[in-house]
Full PDB file with SEQRES, HELIX, SHEET, SSBOND, CRYST1, ORIGX, SCALE, CONECT and MASTER records, all heavy atoms in Angstrom:
SEQRES   1 A   30  GLU GLY ASP ALA ARG ASP MET TYR ARG ILE LEU PHE HIS          
SEQRES   2 A   30  ILE ILE SER THR LEU PRO ASP ASP THR TRP VAL TYR CYS          
SEQRES   3 A   30  GLY HIS GLU TYR                                              
HELIX    1 AA1 ALA A    4  HIS A   13  1                                  10    
HELIX    2 AA2 ILE A   15  THR A   17  5                                   3    
CRYST1    1.000    1.000    1.000  90.00  90.00  90.00 P 1           1          
ORIGX1      1.000000  0.000000  0.000000        0.00000                         
ORIGX2      0.000000  1.000000  0.000000        0.00000                         
ORIGX3      0.000000  0.000000  1.000000        0.00000                         
SCALE1      1.000000  0.000000  0.000000        0.00000                         
SCALE2      0.000000  1.000000  0.000000        0.00000                         
SCALE3      0.000000  0.000000  1.000000        0.00000                         
ATOM      1  N   GLU A   1      59.535 -10.234   9.300  1.00  0.00           N  
ATOM      2  CA  GLU A   1      60.755  -9.862   8.580  1.00  0.00           C  
ATOM      3  C   GLU A   1      61.947  -9.799   9.540  1.00  0.00           C  
ATOM      4  O   GLU A   1      62.886  -9.026   9.330  1.00  0.00           O  
ATOM      5  CB  GLU A   1      60.547  -8.534   7.854  1.00  0.00           C  
ATOM      6  CG  GLU A   1      59.460  -8.619   6.782  1.00  0.00           C  
ATOM      7  CD  GLU A   1      59.252  -7.322   6.003  1.00  0.00           C  
ATOM      8  OE1 GLU A   1      59.900  -6.306   6.313  1.00  0.00           O  
ATOM      9  OE2 GLU A   1      58.432  -7.340   5.063  1.00  0.00           O  
ATOM     10  N   GLY A   2      61.915 -10.623  10.570  1.00  0.00           N  
ATOM     11  CA  GLY A   2      62.998 -10.685  11.530  1.00  0.00           C  
ATOM     12  C   GLY A   2      62.929 -12.009  12.268  1.00  0.00           C  
ATOM     13  O   GLY A   2      62.215 -12.927  11.861  1.00  0.00           O  
ATOM     14  N   ASP A   3      63.662 -12.115  13.359  1.00  0.00           N  
ATOM     15  CA  ASP A   3      63.669 -13.359  14.121  1.00  0.00           C  
ATOM     16  C   ASP A   3      63.679 -13.049  15.615  1.00  0.00           C  
ATOM     17  O   ASP A   3      63.602 -11.882  16.028  1.00  0.00           O  
ATOM     18  CB  ASP A   3      64.851 -14.244  13.725  1.00  0.00           C  
ATOM     19  CG  ASP A   3      66.209 -13.553  13.904  1.00  0.00           C  
ATOM     20  OD1 ASP A   3      66.308 -12.617  14.731  1.00  0.00           O  
ATOM     21  OD2 ASP A   3      67.178 -13.951  13.216  1.00  0.00           O  
ATOM     22  N   ALA A   4      63.765 -14.107  16.422  1.00  0.00           N  
ATOM     23  CA  ALA A   4      63.693 -13.940  17.872  1.00  0.00           C  
ATOM     24  C   ALA A   4      64.821 -13.075  18.411  1.00  0.00           C  
ATOM     25  O   ALA A   4      64.639 -12.321  19.365  1.00  0.00           O  
ATOM     26  CB  ALA A   4      63.692 -15.311  18.551  1.00  0.00           C  
ATOM     27  N   ARG A   5      66.001 -13.178  17.796  1.00  0.00           N  
ATOM     28  CA  ARG A   5      67.121 -12.359  18.262  1.00  0.00           C  
ATOM     29  C   ARG A   5      66.836 -10.878  18.032  1.00  0.00           C  
ATOM     30  O   ARG A   5      67.143 -10.029  18.888  1.00  0.00           O  
ATOM     31  CB  ARG A   5      68.418 -12.777  17.566  1.00  0.00           C  
ATOM     32  CG  ARG A   5      69.659 -12.143  18.149  1.00  0.00           C  
ATOM     33  CD  ARG A   5      70.925 -12.855  17.695  1.00  0.00           C  
ATOM     34  NE  ARG A   5      70.962 -14.246  18.111  1.00  0.00           N  
ATOM     35  CZ  ARG A   5      71.286 -14.646  19.344  1.00  0.00           C  
ATOM     36  NH1 ARG A   5      71.601 -13.755  20.270  1.00  0.00           N  
ATOM     37  NH2 ARG A   5      71.313 -15.927  19.638  1.00  0.00           N  
ATOM     38  N   ASP A   6      66.229 -10.556  16.887  1.00  0.00           N  
ATOM     39  CA  ASP A   6      65.836  -9.161  16.624  1.00  0.00           C  
ATOM     40  C   ASP A   6      64.834  -8.681  17.669  1.00  0.00           C  
ATOM     41  O   ASP A   6      64.967  -7.577  18.212  1.00  0.00           O  
ATOM     42  CB  ASP A   6      65.203  -9.040  15.236  1.00  0.00           C  
ATOM     43  CG  ASP A   6      66.165  -9.370  14.113  1.00  0.00           C  
ATOM     44  OD1 ASP A   6      67.354  -9.031  14.231  1.00  0.00           O  
ATOM     45  OD2 ASP A   6      65.715  -9.978  13.119  1.00  0.00           O  
ATOM     46  N   MET A   7      63.824  -9.508  17.936  1.00  0.00           N  
ATOM     47  CA  MET A   7      62.794  -9.091  18.883  1.00  0.00           C  
ATOM     48  C   MET A   7      63.349  -8.982  20.298  1.00  0.00           C  
ATOM     49  O   MET A   7      62.967  -8.083  21.052  1.00  0.00           O  
ATOM     50  CB  MET A   7      61.614 -10.063  18.845  1.00  0.00           C  
ATOM     51  CG  MET A   7      60.438  -9.641  19.726  1.00  0.00           C  
ATOM     52  SD  MET A   7      59.728  -8.012  19.348  1.00  0.00           S  
ATOM     53  CE  MET A   7      58.694  -8.416  17.921  1.00  0.00           C  
ATOM     54  N   TYR A   8      64.256  -9.872  20.657  1.00  0.00           N  
ATOM     55  CA  TYR A   8      64.865  -9.786  21.991  1.00  0.00           C  
ATOM     56  C   TYR A   8      65.591  -8.447  22.151  1.00  0.00           C  
ATOM     57  O   TYR A   8      65.453  -7.771  23.187  1.00  0.00           O  
ATOM     58  CB  TYR A   8      65.838 -10.946  22.210  1.00  0.00           C  
ATOM     59  CG  TYR A   8      66.409 -10.959  23.611  1.00  0.00           C  
ATOM     60  CD1 TYR A   8      65.740 -11.596  24.651  1.00  0.00           C  
ATOM     61  CD2 TYR A   8      67.607 -10.312  23.901  1.00  0.00           C  
ATOM     62  CE1 TYR A   8      66.254 -11.592  25.944  1.00  0.00           C  
ATOM     63  CE2 TYR A   8      68.127 -10.301  25.181  1.00  0.00           C  
ATOM     64  CZ  TYR A   8      67.446 -10.941  26.199  1.00  0.00           C  
ATOM     65  OH  TYR A   8      67.951 -10.918  27.479  1.00  0.00           O  
ATOM     66  N   ARG A   9      66.342  -8.076  21.139  1.00  0.00           N  
ATOM     67  CA  ARG A   9      67.063  -6.791  21.201  1.00  0.00           C  
ATOM     68  C   ARG A   9      66.084  -5.633  21.360  1.00  0.00           C  
ATOM     69  O   ARG A   9      66.305  -4.713  22.161  1.00  0.00           O  
ATOM     70  CB  ARG A   9      67.897  -6.599  19.935  1.00  0.00           C  
ATOM     71  CG  ARG A   9      68.748  -5.324  19.928  1.00  0.00           C  
ATOM     72  CD  ARG A   9      69.415  -5.094  18.584  1.00  0.00           C  
ATOM     73  NE  ARG A   9      68.449  -4.768  17.544  1.00  0.00           N  
ATOM     74  CZ  ARG A   9      67.959  -3.545  17.348  1.00  0.00           C  
ATOM     75  NH1 ARG A   9      68.317  -2.533  18.124  1.00  0.00           N  
ATOM     76  NH2 ARG A   9      67.095  -3.324  16.378  1.00  0.00           N  
ATOM     77  N   ILE A  10      64.996  -5.686  20.611  1.00  0.00           N  
ATOM     78  CA  ILE A  10      63.991  -4.621  20.676  1.00  0.00           C  
ATOM     79  C   ILE A  10      63.361  -4.558  22.067  1.00  0.00           C  
ATOM     80  O   ILE A  10      63.246  -3.483  22.673  1.00  0.00           O  
ATOM     81  CB  ILE A  10      62.904  -4.861  19.601  1.00  0.00           C  
ATOM     82  CG1 ILE A  10      63.473  -4.603  18.206  1.00  0.00           C  
ATOM     83  CG2 ILE A  10      61.688  -3.984  19.856  1.00  0.00           C  
ATOM     84  CD1 ILE A  10      62.630  -5.193  17.090  1.00  0.00           C  
ATOM     85  N   LEU A  11      62.948  -5.713  22.581  1.00  0.00           N  
ATOM     86  CA  LEU A  11      62.232  -5.736  23.857  1.00  0.00           C  
ATOM     87  C   LEU A  11      63.125  -5.328  25.024  1.00  0.00           C  
ATOM     88  O   LEU A  11      62.681  -4.589  25.915  1.00  0.00           O  
ATOM     89  CB  LEU A  11      61.650  -7.131  24.113  1.00  0.00           C  
ATOM     90  CG  LEU A  11      60.548  -7.601  23.165  1.00  0.00           C  
ATOM     91  CD1 LEU A  11      60.123  -9.018  23.522  1.00  0.00           C  
ATOM     92  CD2 LEU A  11      59.350  -6.653  23.209  1.00  0.00           C  
ATOM     93  N   PHE A  12      64.367  -5.814  25.018  1.00  0.00           N  
ATOM     94  CA  PHE A  12      65.197  -5.634  26.208  1.00  0.00           C  
ATOM     95  C   PHE A  12      66.217  -4.507  26.101  1.00  0.00           C  
ATOM     96  O   PHE A  12      66.705  -4.025  27.123  1.00  0.00           O  
ATOM     97  CB  PHE A  12      65.880  -6.965  26.567  1.00  0.00           C  
ATOM     98  CG  PHE A  12      64.887  -7.966  27.085  1.00  0.00           C  
ATOM     99  CD1 PHE A  12      64.278  -8.869  26.223  1.00  0.00           C  
ATOM    100  CD2 PHE A  12      64.513  -7.963  28.412  1.00  0.00           C  
ATOM    101  CE1 PHE A  12      63.330  -9.767  26.686  1.00  0.00           C  
ATOM    102  CE2 PHE A  12      63.565  -8.854  28.891  1.00  0.00           C  
ATOM    103  CZ  PHE A  12      62.975  -9.759  28.035  1.00  0.00           C  
ATOM    104  N   HIS A  13      66.517  -4.057  24.892  1.00  0.00           N  
ATOM    105  CA  HIS A  13      67.493  -2.982  24.738  1.00  0.00           C  
ATOM    106  C   HIS A  13      66.858  -1.676  24.267  1.00  0.00           C  
ATOM    107  O   HIS A  13      67.535  -0.644  24.234  1.00  0.00           O  
ATOM    108  CB  HIS A  13      68.609  -3.401  23.774  1.00  0.00           C  
ATOM    109  CG  HIS A  13      69.414  -4.555  24.294  1.00  0.00           C  
ATOM    110  ND1 HIS A  13      70.399  -4.425  25.241  1.00  0.00           N  
ATOM    111  CD2 HIS A  13      69.347  -5.884  24.016  1.00  0.00           C  
ATOM    112  CE1 HIS A  13      70.920  -5.605  25.523  1.00  0.00           C  
ATOM    113  NE2 HIS A  13      70.301  -6.506  24.794  1.00  0.00           N  
ATOM    114  N   ILE A  14      65.583  -1.721  23.914  1.00  0.00           N  
ATOM    115  CA  ILE A  14      64.895  -0.496  23.482  1.00  0.00           C  
ATOM    116  C   ILE A  14      63.653  -0.265  24.356  1.00  0.00           C  
ATOM    117  O   ILE A  14      63.607   0.666  25.157  1.00  0.00           O  
ATOM    118  CB  ILE A  14      64.507  -0.566  21.988  1.00  0.00           C  
ATOM    119  CG1 ILE A  14      65.757  -0.745  21.121  1.00  0.00           C  
ATOM    120  CG2 ILE A  14      63.757   0.697  21.569  1.00  0.00           C  
ATOM    121  CD1 ILE A  14      65.474  -0.978  19.643  1.00  0.00           C  
ATOM    122  N   ILE A  15      62.672  -1.129  24.233  1.00  0.00           N  
ATOM    123  CA  ILE A  15      61.384  -0.886  24.885  1.00  0.00           C  
ATOM    124  C   ILE A  15      61.496  -0.939  26.407  1.00  0.00           C  
ATOM    125  O   ILE A  15      60.973  -0.071  27.117  1.00  0.00           O  
ATOM    126  CB  ILE A  15      60.327  -1.867  24.343  1.00  0.00           C  
ATOM    127  CG1 ILE A  15      59.968  -1.457  22.908  1.00  0.00           C  
ATOM    128  CG2 ILE A  15      59.083  -1.889  25.226  1.00  0.00           C  
ATOM    129  CD1 ILE A  15      59.018  -2.375  22.192  1.00  0.00           C  
ATOM    130  N   SER A  16      62.186  -1.952  26.937  1.00  0.00           N  
ATOM    131  CA  SER A  16      62.294  -2.088  28.395  1.00  0.00           C  
ATOM    132  C   SER A  16      63.103  -0.979  29.042  1.00  0.00           C  
ATOM    133  O   SER A  16      63.037  -0.798  30.267  1.00  0.00           O  
ATOM    134  CB  SER A  16      62.923  -3.429  28.762  1.00  0.00           C  
ATOM    135  OG  SER A  16      62.039  -4.482  28.524  1.00  0.00           O  
ATOM    136  N   THR A  17      63.872  -0.251  28.241  1.00  0.00           N  
ATOM    137  CA  THR A  17      64.680   0.832  28.808  1.00  0.00           C  
ATOM    138  C   THR A  17      63.878   2.119  28.976  1.00  0.00           C  
ATOM    139  O   THR A  17      64.359   3.056  29.619  1.00  0.00           O  
ATOM    140  CB  THR A  17      65.909   1.118  27.928  1.00  0.00           C  
ATOM    141  OG1 THR A  17      65.485   1.620  26.655  1.00  0.00           O  
ATOM    142  CG2 THR A  17      66.740  -0.140  27.728  1.00  0.00           C  
ATOM    143  N   LEU A  18      62.673   2.176  28.431  1.00  0.00           N  
ATOM    144  CA  LEU A  18      61.822   3.353  28.630  1.00  0.00           C  
ATOM    145  C   LEU A  18      61.344   3.376  30.079  1.00  0.00           C  
ATOM    146  O   LEU A  18      61.231   2.333  30.723  1.00  0.00           O  
ATOM    147  CB  LEU A  18      60.627   3.306  27.675  1.00  0.00           C  
ATOM    148  CG  LEU A  18      60.943   3.298  26.169  1.00  0.00           C  
ATOM    149  CD1 LEU A  18      59.668   3.155  25.364  1.00  0.00           C  
ATOM    150  CD2 LEU A  18      61.702   4.548  25.766  1.00  0.00           C  
ATOM    151  N   PRO A  19      61.050   4.552  30.611  1.00  0.00           N  
ATOM    152  CA  PRO A  19      60.573   4.623  31.999  1.00  0.00           C  
ATOM    153  C   PRO A  19      59.327   3.756  32.222  1.00  0.00           C  
ATOM    154  O   PRO A  19      58.473   3.641  31.330  1.00  0.00           O  
ATOM    155  CB  PRO A  19      60.251   6.110  32.183  1.00  0.00           C  
ATOM    156  CG  PRO A  19      61.123   6.816  31.183  1.00  0.00           C  
ATOM    157  CD  PRO A  19      61.188   5.900  30.002  1.00  0.00           C  
ATOM    158  N   ASP A  20      59.237   3.167  33.411  1.00  0.00           N  
ATOM    159  CA  ASP A  20      58.135   2.250  33.704  1.00  0.00           C  
ATOM    160  C   ASP A  20      56.763   2.912  33.616  1.00  0.00           C  
ATOM    161  O   ASP A  20      55.762   2.241  33.370  1.00  0.00           O  
ATOM    162  CB  ASP A  20      58.305   1.634  35.096  1.00  0.00           C  
ATOM    163  CG  ASP A  20      59.304   0.487  35.114  1.00  0.00           C  
ATOM    164  OD1 ASP A  20      59.759   0.074  34.019  1.00  0.00           O  
ATOM    165  OD2 ASP A  20      59.633   0.001  36.216  1.00  0.00           O  
ATOM    166  N   ASP A  21      56.704   4.233  33.824  1.00  0.00           N  
ATOM    167  CA  ASP A  21      55.397   4.903  33.782  1.00  0.00           C  
ATOM    168  C   ASP A  21      55.005   5.360  32.374  1.00  0.00           C  
ATOM    169  O   ASP A  21      54.003   6.062  32.195  1.00  0.00           O  
ATOM    170  CB  ASP A  21      55.367   6.089  34.758  1.00  0.00           C  
ATOM    171  CG  ASP A  21      56.362   7.190  34.396  1.00  0.00           C  
ATOM    172  OD1 ASP A  21      57.163   7.004  33.446  1.00  0.00           O  
ATOM    173  OD2 ASP A  21      56.344   8.241  35.070  1.00  0.00           O  
ATOM    174  N   THR A  22      55.760   4.935  31.372  1.00  0.00           N  
ATOM    175  CA  THR A  22      55.425   5.265  29.977  1.00  0.00           C  
ATOM    176  C   THR A  22      54.155   4.535  29.563  1.00  0.00           C  
ATOM    177  O   THR A  22      54.054   3.316  29.685  1.00  0.00           O  
ATOM    178  CB  THR A  22      56.572   4.853  29.035  1.00  0.00           C  
ATOM    179  OG1 THR A  22      57.780   5.509  29.451  1.00  0.00           O  
ATOM    180  CG2 THR A  22      56.256   5.215  27.597  1.00  0.00           C  
ATOM    181  N   TRP A  23      53.195   5.278  29.070  1.00  0.00           N  
ATOM    182  CA  TRP A  23      51.962   4.663  28.561  1.00  0.00           C  
ATOM    183  C   TRP A  23      52.257   3.921  27.263  1.00  0.00           C  
ATOM    184  O   TRP A  23      52.988   4.427  26.409  1.00  0.00           O  
ATOM    185  CB  TRP A  23      50.887   5.723  28.294  1.00  0.00           C  
ATOM    186  CG  TRP A  23      50.415   6.459  29.509  1.00  0.00           C  
ATOM    187  CD1 TRP A  23      50.656   7.762  29.831  1.00  0.00           C  
ATOM    188  CD2 TRP A  23      49.613   5.929  30.577  1.00  0.00           C  
ATOM    189  NE1 TRP A  23      50.063   8.077  31.027  1.00  0.00           N  
ATOM    190  CE2 TRP A  23      49.420   6.977  31.500  1.00  0.00           C  
ATOM    191  CE3 TRP A  23      49.049   4.679  30.831  1.00  0.00           C  
ATOM    192  CZ2 TRP A  23      48.666   6.803  32.677  1.00  0.00           C  
ATOM    193  CZ3 TRP A  23      48.304   4.511  31.994  1.00  0.00           C  
ATOM    194  CH2 TRP A  23      48.125   5.557  32.898  1.00  0.00           C  
ATOM    195  N   VAL A  24      51.666   2.742  27.106  1.00  0.00           N  
ATOM    196  CA  VAL A  24      51.858   1.927  25.903  1.00  0.00           C  
ATOM    197  C   VAL A  24      50.559   1.909  25.102  1.00  0.00           C  
ATOM    198  O   VAL A  24      49.513   1.443  25.590  1.00  0.00           O  
ATOM    199  CB  VAL A  24      52.266   0.482  26.265  1.00  0.00           C  
ATOM    200  CG1 VAL A  24      52.338  -0.383  25.003  1.00  0.00           C  
ATOM    201  CG2 VAL A  24      53.589   0.464  27.001  1.00  0.00           C  
ATOM    202  N   TYR A  25      50.629   2.425  23.876  1.00  0.00           N  
ATOM    203  CA  TYR A  25      49.484   2.422  22.959  1.00  0.00           C  
ATOM    204  C   TYR A  25      49.853   1.551  21.759  1.00  0.00           C  
ATOM    205  O   TYR A  25      50.682   1.929  20.936  1.00  0.00           O  
ATOM    206  CB  TYR A  25      49.163   3.849  22.496  1.00  0.00           C  
ATOM    207  CG  TYR A  25      48.572   4.723  23.578  1.00  0.00           C  
ATOM    208  CD1 TYR A  25      49.389   5.517  24.379  1.00  0.00           C  
ATOM    209  CD2 TYR A  25      47.196   4.750  23.807  1.00  0.00           C  
ATOM    210  CE1 TYR A  25      48.847   6.330  25.373  1.00  0.00           C  
ATOM    211  CE2 TYR A  25      46.641   5.553  24.794  1.00  0.00           C  
ATOM    212  CZ  TYR A  25      47.475   6.341  25.564  1.00  0.00           C  
ATOM    213  OH  TYR A  25      46.920   7.129  26.556  1.00  0.00           O  
ATOM    214  N   CYS A  26      49.236   0.389  21.670  1.00  0.00           N  
ATOM    215  CA  CYS A  26      49.614  -0.599  20.655  1.00  0.00           C  
ATOM    216  C   CYS A  26      48.672  -0.554  19.446  1.00  0.00           C  
ATOM    217  O   CYS A  26      47.691   0.190  19.434  1.00  0.00           O  
ATOM    218  CB  CYS A  26      49.634  -1.997  21.271  1.00  0.00           C  
ATOM    219  SG  CYS A  26      48.070  -2.517  22.017  1.00  0.00           S  
ATOM    220  N   GLY A  27      48.962  -1.387  18.458  1.00  0.00           N  
ATOM    221  CA  GLY A  27      48.278  -1.310  17.174  1.00  0.00           C  
ATOM    222  C   GLY A  27      47.012  -2.133  17.032  1.00  0.00           C  
ATOM    223  O   GLY A  27      46.266  -1.953  16.067  1.00  0.00           O  
ATOM    224  N   HIS A  28      46.765  -3.052  17.979  1.00  0.00           N  
ATOM    225  CA  HIS A  28      45.584  -3.915  17.882  1.00  0.00           C  
ATOM    226  C   HIS A  28      45.002  -4.200  19.253  1.00  0.00           C  
ATOM    227  O   HIS A  28      45.711  -4.205  20.257  1.00  0.00           O  
ATOM    228  CB  HIS A  28      45.943  -5.264  17.231  1.00  0.00           C  
ATOM    229  CG  HIS A  28      46.245  -5.181  15.776  1.00  0.00           C  
ATOM    230  ND1 HIS A  28      45.283  -5.333  14.796  1.00  0.00           N  
ATOM    231  CD2 HIS A  28      47.415  -4.963  15.119  1.00  0.00           C  
ATOM    232  CE1 HIS A  28      45.845  -5.223  13.598  1.00  0.00           C  
ATOM    233  NE2 HIS A  28      47.141  -4.992  13.773  1.00  0.00           N  
ATOM    234  N   GLU A  29      43.711  -4.480  19.272  1.00  0.00           N  
ATOM    235  CA  GLU A  29      43.031  -4.925  20.481  1.00  0.00           C  
ATOM    236  C   GLU A  29      43.081  -6.457  20.526  1.00  0.00           C  
ATOM    237  O   GLU A  29      42.184  -7.147  20.051  1.00  0.00           O  
ATOM    238  CB  GLU A  29      41.569  -4.427  20.487  1.00  0.00           C  
ATOM    239  CG  GLU A  29      40.768  -4.832  21.707  1.00  0.00           C  
ATOM    240  CD  GLU A  29      41.452  -4.482  23.015  1.00  0.00           C  
ATOM    241  OE1 GLU A  29      41.662  -3.285  23.284  1.00  0.00           O  
ATOM    242  OE2 GLU A  29      41.796  -5.422  23.759  1.00  0.00           O  
ATOM    243  N   TYR A  30      44.185  -6.953  21.061  1.00  0.00           N  
ATOM    244  CA  TYR A  30      44.416  -8.397  21.195  1.00  0.00           C  
ATOM    245  C   TYR A  30      44.500  -8.825  22.660  1.00  0.00           C  
ATOM    246  O   TYR A  30      44.941  -9.932  22.963  1.00  0.00           O  
ATOM    247  CB  TYR A  30      45.755  -8.785  20.531  1.00  0.00           C  
ATOM    248  CG  TYR A  30      45.823  -8.708  19.027  1.00  0.00           C  
ATOM    249  CD1 TYR A  30      47.067  -8.661  18.389  1.00  0.00           C  
ATOM    250  CD2 TYR A  30      44.683  -8.707  18.232  1.00  0.00           C  
ATOM    251  CE1 TYR A  30      47.166  -8.612  17.000  1.00  0.00           C  
ATOM    252  CE2 TYR A  30      44.779  -8.644  16.850  1.00  0.00           C  
ATOM    253  CZ  TYR A  30      46.015  -8.596  16.239  1.00  0.00           C  
ATOM    254  OH  TYR A  30      46.124  -8.548  14.869  1.00  0.00           O  
TER     255      TYR A  30                                                      
MASTER        0    0    0    2    0    0    0    6  254    1    0    3          
END                                                                             
């Protein structure tokens, strides 16, 4: 329900701004 521009904003302006030592718990074992 979005596009690459949406995901780029999420990855680089939201998620990447969290501290590097933040644990990441995702939704699937992929």
